[in-house]
Amino acid sequence: MREKIHELEKLINSSVSIIKKLEQENELLLKQSDSLEKERDKTNKGAAKTREFKDWRQKVKKKLSKICIKIEKASSRQDELFTDYGE
């Protein structure tokens, strides 16, 4: 009977130590999960900023291309406008 009680105490002690280890590992995993979530949020914010920058860059390109077209039209008409003064 004493042997069985002693064996049960050993099992209980080993179970308690395993539970403590699991609790510690769980804490570490929770910390890692939190840090990964924060990094994901930072990445998502960075991606949003990248999208905003791409959109802004596209708008600027469109405006510049319109300005370039106007300049090309004006420079092509320059010959027509200033031929009278050159002769």
C-alpha atoms as a PDB file:
ATOM      1  CA  MET A   1       0.000   0.000   0.000  1.00  0.00           C
ATOM      2  CA  ARG A   2       2.810   2.379   0.876  1.00  0.00           C
ATOM      3  CA  GLU A   3       4.485   1.639  -2.429  1.00  0.00           C
ATOM      4  CA  LYS A   4       1.327   2.521  -4.328  1.00  0.00           C
ATOM      5  CA  ILE A   5       0.969   5.759  -2.367  1.00  0.00           C
ATOM      6  CA  HIS A   6       4.631   6.567  -2.976  1.00  0.00           C
ATOM      7  CA  GLU A   7       4.191   5.834  -6.697  1.00  0.00           C
ATOM      8  CA  LEU A   8       1.118   8.063  -6.839  1.00  0.00           C
ATOM      9  CA  GLU A   9       3.027  10.875  -5.133  1.00  0.00           C
ATOM     10  CA  LYS A  10       5.789  10.551  -7.742  1.00  0.00           C
ATOM     11  CA  LEU A  11       3.229  10.689 -10.521  1.00  0.00           C
ATOM     12  CA  ILE A  12       1.572  13.718  -8.968  1.00  0.00           C
ATOM     13  CA  ASN A  13       4.916  15.495  -8.563  1.00  0.00           C
ATOM     14  CA  SER A  14       5.929  14.737 -12.133  1.00  0.00           C
ATOM     15  CA  SER A  15       2.515  15.907 -13.353  1.00  0.00           C
ATOM     16  CA  VAL A  16       2.835  19.127 -11.390  1.00  0.00           C
ATOM     17  CA  SER A  17       6.315  19.778 -12.810  1.00  0.00           C
ATOM     18  CA  ILE A  18       5.082  19.086 -16.349  1.00  0.00           C
ATOM     19  CA  ILE A  19       2.148  21.462 -15.829  1.00  0.00           C
ATOM     20  CA  LYS A  20       4.525  24.175 -14.591  1.00  0.00           C
ATOM     21  CA  LYS A  21       6.743  23.717 -17.647  1.00  0.00           C
ATOM     22  CA  LEU A  22       3.706  23.891 -19.908  1.00  0.00           C
ATOM     23  CA  GLU A  23       2.546  27.072 -18.202  1.00  0.00           C
ATOM     24  CA  GLN A  24       5.972  28.649 -18.754  1.00  0.00           C
ATOM     25  CA  GLU A  25       5.970  27.580 -22.399  1.00  0.00           C
ATOM     26  CA  ASN A  26       2.451  28.939 -22.757  1.00  0.00           C
ATOM     27  CA  GLU A  27       3.584  32.323 -21.409  1.00  0.00           C
ATOM     28  CA  LEU A  28       6.442  32.381 -23.903  1.00  0.00           C
ATOM     29  CA  LEU A  29       4.125  31.449 -26.744  1.00  0.00           C
ATOM     30  CA  LEU A  30       1.679  34.168 -25.744  1.00  0.00           C
ATOM     31  CA  LYS A  31       4.492  36.728 -25.751  1.00  0.00           C
ATOM     32  CA  GLN A  32       5.659  35.523 -29.150  1.00  0.00           C
ATOM     33  CA  SER A  33       2.110  35.643 -30.467  1.00  0.00           C
ATOM     34  CA  ASP A  34       1.688  39.198 -29.213  1.00  0.00           C
ATOM     35  CA  SER A  35       4.958  40.315 -30.761  1.00  0.00           C
ATOM     36  CA  LEU A  36       4.059  38.661 -34.078  1.00  0.00           C
ATOM     37  CA  GLU A  37       0.681  40.363 -34.032  1.00  0.00           C
ATOM     38  CA  LYS A  38       2.356  43.724 -33.447  1.00  0.00           C
ATOM     39  CA  GLU A  39       4.770  43.076 -36.311  1.00  0.00           C
ATOM     40  CA  ARG A  40       1.865  42.087 -38.568  1.00  0.00           C
ATOM     41  CA  ASP A  41       0.086  45.320 -37.696  1.00  0.00           C
ATOM     42  CA  LYS A  42       3.234  47.305 -38.487  1.00  0.00           C
ATOM     43  CA  THR A  43       3.559  45.473 -41.779  1.00  0.00           C
ATOM     44  CA  ASN A  44      -0.077  46.146 -42.642  1.00  0.00           C
ATOM     45  CA  LYS A  45       0.393  49.824 -41.858  1.00  0.00           C
ATOM     46  CA  GLY A  46       3.525  49.821 -44.003  1.00  0.00           C
ATOM     47  CA  ALA A  47       1.639  48.170 -46.836  1.00  0.00           C
ATOM     48  CA  ALA A  48      -1.089  50.786 -46.579  1.00  0.00           C
ATOM     49  CA  LYS A  49       1.513  53.537 -46.713  1.00  0.00           C
ATOM     50  CA  THR A  50       3.089  51.846 -49.720  1.00  0.00           C
ATOM     51  CA  ARG A  51      -0.290  51.736 -51.475  1.00  0.00           C
ATOM     52  CA  GLU A  52      -0.884  55.392 -50.661  1.00  0.00           C
ATOM     53  CA  PHE A  53       2.540  56.259 -52.013  1.00  0.00           C
ATOM     54  CA  LYS A  54       1.907  54.289 -55.208  1.00  0.00           C
ATOM     55  CA  ASP A  55      -1.430  56.036 -55.693  1.00  0.00           C
ATOM     56  CA  TRP A  56       0.177  59.435 -55.110  1.00  0.00           C
ATOM     57  CA  ARG A  57       2.992  58.567 -57.518  1.00  0.00           C
ATOM     58  CA  GLN A  58       0.455  57.553 -60.198  1.00  0.00           C
ATOM     59  CA  LYS A  59      -1.404  60.844 -59.764  1.00  0.00           C
ATOM     60  CA  VAL A  60       1.835  62.798 -60.070  1.00  0.00           C
ATOM     61  CA  LYS A  61       2.775  60.832 -63.200  1.00  0.00           C
ATOM     62  CA  LYS A  62      -0.590  61.620 -64.776  1.00  0.00           C
ATOM     63  CA  LYS A  63      -0.259  65.314 -63.960  1.00  0.00           C
ATOM     64  CA  LEU A  64       3.289  65.408 -65.310  1.00  0.00           C
ATOM     65  CA  SER A  65       2.298  63.615 -68.495  1.00  0.00           C
ATOM     66  CA  LYS A  66      -0.512  66.152 -69.026  1.00  0.00           C
ATOM     67  CA  ILE A  67       1.937  68.993 -68.470  1.00  0.00           C
ATOM     68  CA  CYS A  68       4.394  67.381 -70.893  1.00  0.00           C
ATOM     69  CA  ILE A  69       1.670  67.089 -73.540  1.00  0.00           C
ATOM     70  CA  LYS A  70       0.815  70.784 -73.097  1.00  0.00           C
ATOM     71  CA  ILE A  71       4.488  71.721 -73.372  1.00  0.00           C
ATOM     72  CA  GLU A  72       4.879  69.618 -76.520  1.00  0.00           C
ATOM     73  CA  LYS A  73       1.813  71.246 -78.063  1.00  0.00           C
ATOM     74  CA  ALA A  74       3.104  74.694 -77.180  1.00  0.00           C
ATOM     75  CA  SER A  75       6.564  73.960 -78.532  1.00  0.00           C
ATOM     76  CA  SER A  76       5.151  72.521 -81.756  1.00  0.00           C
ATOM     77  CA  ARG A  77       3.048  75.668 -82.214  1.00  0.00           C
ATOM     78  CA  GLN A  78       6.020  77.887 -81.451  1.00  0.00           C
ATOM     79  CA  ASP A  79       7.058  77.886 -85.079  1.00  0.00           C
ATOM     80  CA  GLU A  80       3.606  79.080 -86.085  1.00  0.00           C
ATOM     81  CA  LEU A  81       3.491  81.794 -83.435  1.00  0.00           C
ATOM     82  CA  PHE A  82       6.918  83.325 -83.952  1.00  0.00           C
ATOM     83  CA  THR A  83       7.481  82.980 -87.703  1.00  0.00           C
ATOM     84  CA  ASP A  84       6.299  86.539 -88.315  1.00  0.00           C
ATOM     85  CA  TYR A  85       8.786  88.030 -85.886  1.00  0.00           C
ATOM     86  CA  GLY A  86      11.775  86.109 -87.172  1.00  0.00           C
ATOM     87  CA  GLU A  87      11.491  87.219 -90.767  1.00  0.00           C
END
